[in-house]
Amino acid sequence: MDEIKEIYEEDEKIKKICSFIKTTPFNNLKKSPHYEFSLLEKDTNEKELEKIYPQTDRIKLICLRRRKHRSGKMLENYDFHYFLDKYKRAVISINFNEEPPYLINGFFTYTNINDFKKKMMKRFRKIN
């Protein structure tokens, strides 16, 4: 089961959630096996993700997702959507429930950002 629990698009809420990023360097995050596999599968340049990670001014959308881990445990993670230009977006997913927090996924996608955002809001807008 995987569901979007909350969607944040207002600057104040995004800034509050992003405070973690400002105080936690990318290299301090643990890397899940899924994250490692996803980098290989999508041929994602991790150095580019690391460079983008602290640029919180580019985060224009955050999704709080709830998902069931293979162990059966329910986990929550944040998907940070970095808008890089009209058609390029980086998505970095982090689980804050563990210490240290860990990366679940990181990738780039090339879609019209405004169209993506409208579709997300239409489909999951119970929220915020």
Protein backbone atom coordinates (compact mmCIF):
# COMPACT_ATOMS: atom_id res chain seq x y z
CA MET A 1 0.00 0.00 0.00
CA ASP A 2 1.30 3.40 -0.97
CA GLU A 3 -0.66 6.59 -0.46
CA ILE A 4 -0.11 10.31 -0.50
CA LYS A 5 -1.14 11.57 2.92
CA GLU A 6 -0.37 15.29 2.53
CA ILE A 7 0.64 17.68 -0.23
CA TYR A 8 2.42 20.91 0.59
CA GLU A 9 2.78 23.71 -1.91
CA GLU A 10 2.64 26.85 0.25
CA ASP A 11 5.99 28.52 0.86
CA GLU A 12 5.64 28.70 4.65
CA LYS A 13 4.89 24.99 5.05
CA ILE A 14 7.64 24.05 2.61
CA LYS A 15 10.17 26.20 4.50
CA LYS A 16 9.23 24.57 7.79
CA ILE A 17 9.64 21.04 6.43
CA CYS A 18 12.86 21.99 4.61
CA SER A 19 14.56 23.16 7.80
CA PHE A 20 15.82 19.59 8.16
CA ILE A 21 17.65 19.82 4.82
CA LYS A 22 19.43 23.00 5.90
CA THR A 23 20.86 21.27 8.99
CA THR A 24 21.56 17.79 7.59
CA PRO A 25 24.21 17.34 4.91
CA PHE A 26 23.42 14.93 2.09
CA ASN A 27 26.30 12.66 3.11
CA ASN A 28 24.84 12.26 6.62
CA LEU A 29 21.77 10.50 5.20
CA LYS A 30 21.81 6.72 5.16
CA LYS A 31 21.15 5.18 1.74
CA SER A 32 18.53 2.46 1.44
CA PRO A 33 19.05 -0.50 -0.90
CA HIS A 34 16.13 0.81 -2.98
CA TYR A 35 17.88 4.17 -3.35
CA GLU A 36 21.11 2.49 -4.48
CA PHE A 37 19.24 0.28 -6.97
CA SER A 38 17.20 3.20 -8.28
CA LEU A 39 20.37 5.19 -9.04
CA LEU A 40 21.65 2.33 -11.15
CA GLU A 41 18.32 1.55 -12.78
CA LYS A 42 17.64 5.16 -13.81
CA ASP A 43 21.31 6.01 -14.46
CA THR A 44 21.00 8.93 -12.02
CA ASN A 45 24.05 11.04 -11.30
CA GLU A 46 24.27 11.05 -7.50
CA LYS A 47 26.72 13.97 -7.49
CA GLU A 48 24.07 16.06 -9.26
CA LEU A 49 21.46 15.06 -6.63
CA GLU A 50 23.93 15.98 -3.88
CA LYS A 51 24.49 19.39 -5.49
CA ILE A 52 20.74 20.07 -5.77
CA TYR A 53 19.81 18.75 -2.30
CA PRO A 54 20.59 21.96 -0.28
CA GLN A 55 18.86 24.24 -2.84
CA THR A 56 15.61 24.40 -0.88
CA ASP A 57 14.46 27.50 -2.78
CA ARG A 58 13.85 25.15 -5.74
CA ILE A 59 11.46 22.94 -3.76
CA LYS A 60 7.95 23.90 -4.88
CA LEU A 61 6.06 20.77 -3.89
CA ILE A 62 6.40 18.23 -1.07
CA CYS A 63 4.37 15.04 -0.75
CA LEU A 64 4.12 13.12 2.51
CA ARG A 65 3.72 9.48 1.55
CA ARG A 66 2.74 6.54 3.65
CA ARG A 67 3.88 3.14 2.48
CA LYS A 68 4.18 -0.39 3.69
CA HIS A 69 7.75 -1.66 4.02
CA ARG A 70 8.49 -5.26 2.99
CA SER A 71 8.82 -6.00 6.73
CA GLY A 72 5.14 -5.05 7.16
CA LYS A 73 5.95 -1.85 9.06
CA MET A 74 4.18 1.34 7.92
CA LEU A 75 6.59 4.14 7.06
CA GLU A 76 6.22 7.78 6.12
CA ASN A 77 8.55 9.70 3.89
CA TYR A 78 8.71 13.07 2.22
CA ASP A 79 9.11 13.44 -1.54
CA PHE A 80 10.84 16.76 -2.21
CA HIS A 81 10.14 18.05 -5.74
CA TYR A 82 12.88 20.41 -6.90
CA PHE A 83 11.74 22.43 -9.91
CA LEU A 84 14.88 22.96 -11.99
CA ASP A 85 13.32 24.41 -15.14
CA LYS A 86 10.00 24.19 -16.97
CA TYR A 87 10.55 20.53 -17.91
CA LYS A 88 13.11 19.18 -15.45
CA ARG A 89 12.44 18.16 -11.88
CA ALA A 90 14.52 16.31 -9.29
CA VAL A 91 12.71 14.16 -6.73
CA ILE A 92 14.48 13.21 -3.51
CA SER A 93 12.60 10.97 -1.05
CA ILE A 94 13.67 10.84 2.59
CA ASN A 95 12.42 8.81 5.55
CA PHE A 96 12.70 10.81 8.78
CA ASN A 97 11.34 8.05 11.04
CA GLU A 98 14.76 6.46 11.55
CA GLU A 99 18.00 7.75 13.00
CA PRO A 100 19.86 8.59 10.91
CA PRO A 101 17.21 9.50 8.33
CA TYR A 102 17.65 7.72 5.06
CA LEU A 103 17.26 8.26 1.35
CA ILE A 104 14.57 6.15 -0.26
CA ASN A 105 14.81 7.44 -3.82
CA GLY A 106 16.39 10.12 -5.94
CA PHE A 107 15.92 10.74 -9.64
CA PHE A 108 15.32 13.30 -12.37
CA THR A 109 12.19 13.48 -14.45
CA TYR A 110 11.43 15.45 -17.58
CA THR A 111 7.78 16.45 -17.71
CA ASN A 112 5.91 19.73 -17.91
CA ILE A 113 6.03 20.84 -14.29
CA ASN A 114 2.81 22.83 -14.34
CA ASP A 115 0.90 19.90 -15.89
CA PHE A 116 2.36 17.53 -13.31
CA LYS A 117 1.41 19.80 -10.43
CA LYS A 118 -2.17 20.24 -11.72
CA LYS A 119 -2.60 16.47 -12.09
CA MET A 120 -1.22 15.86 -8.58
CA MET A 121 -3.55 18.42 -7.06
CA LYS A 122 -6.56 17.08 -8.93
CA ARG A 123 -5.90 13.48 -7.99
CA PHE A 124 -4.72 13.86 -4.38
CA ARG A 125 -6.21 17.15 -3.22
CA LYS A 126 -7.90 15.93 -0.01
CA ILE A 127 -5.13 17.67 1.70
CA ASN A 128 -3.30 20.71 3.00
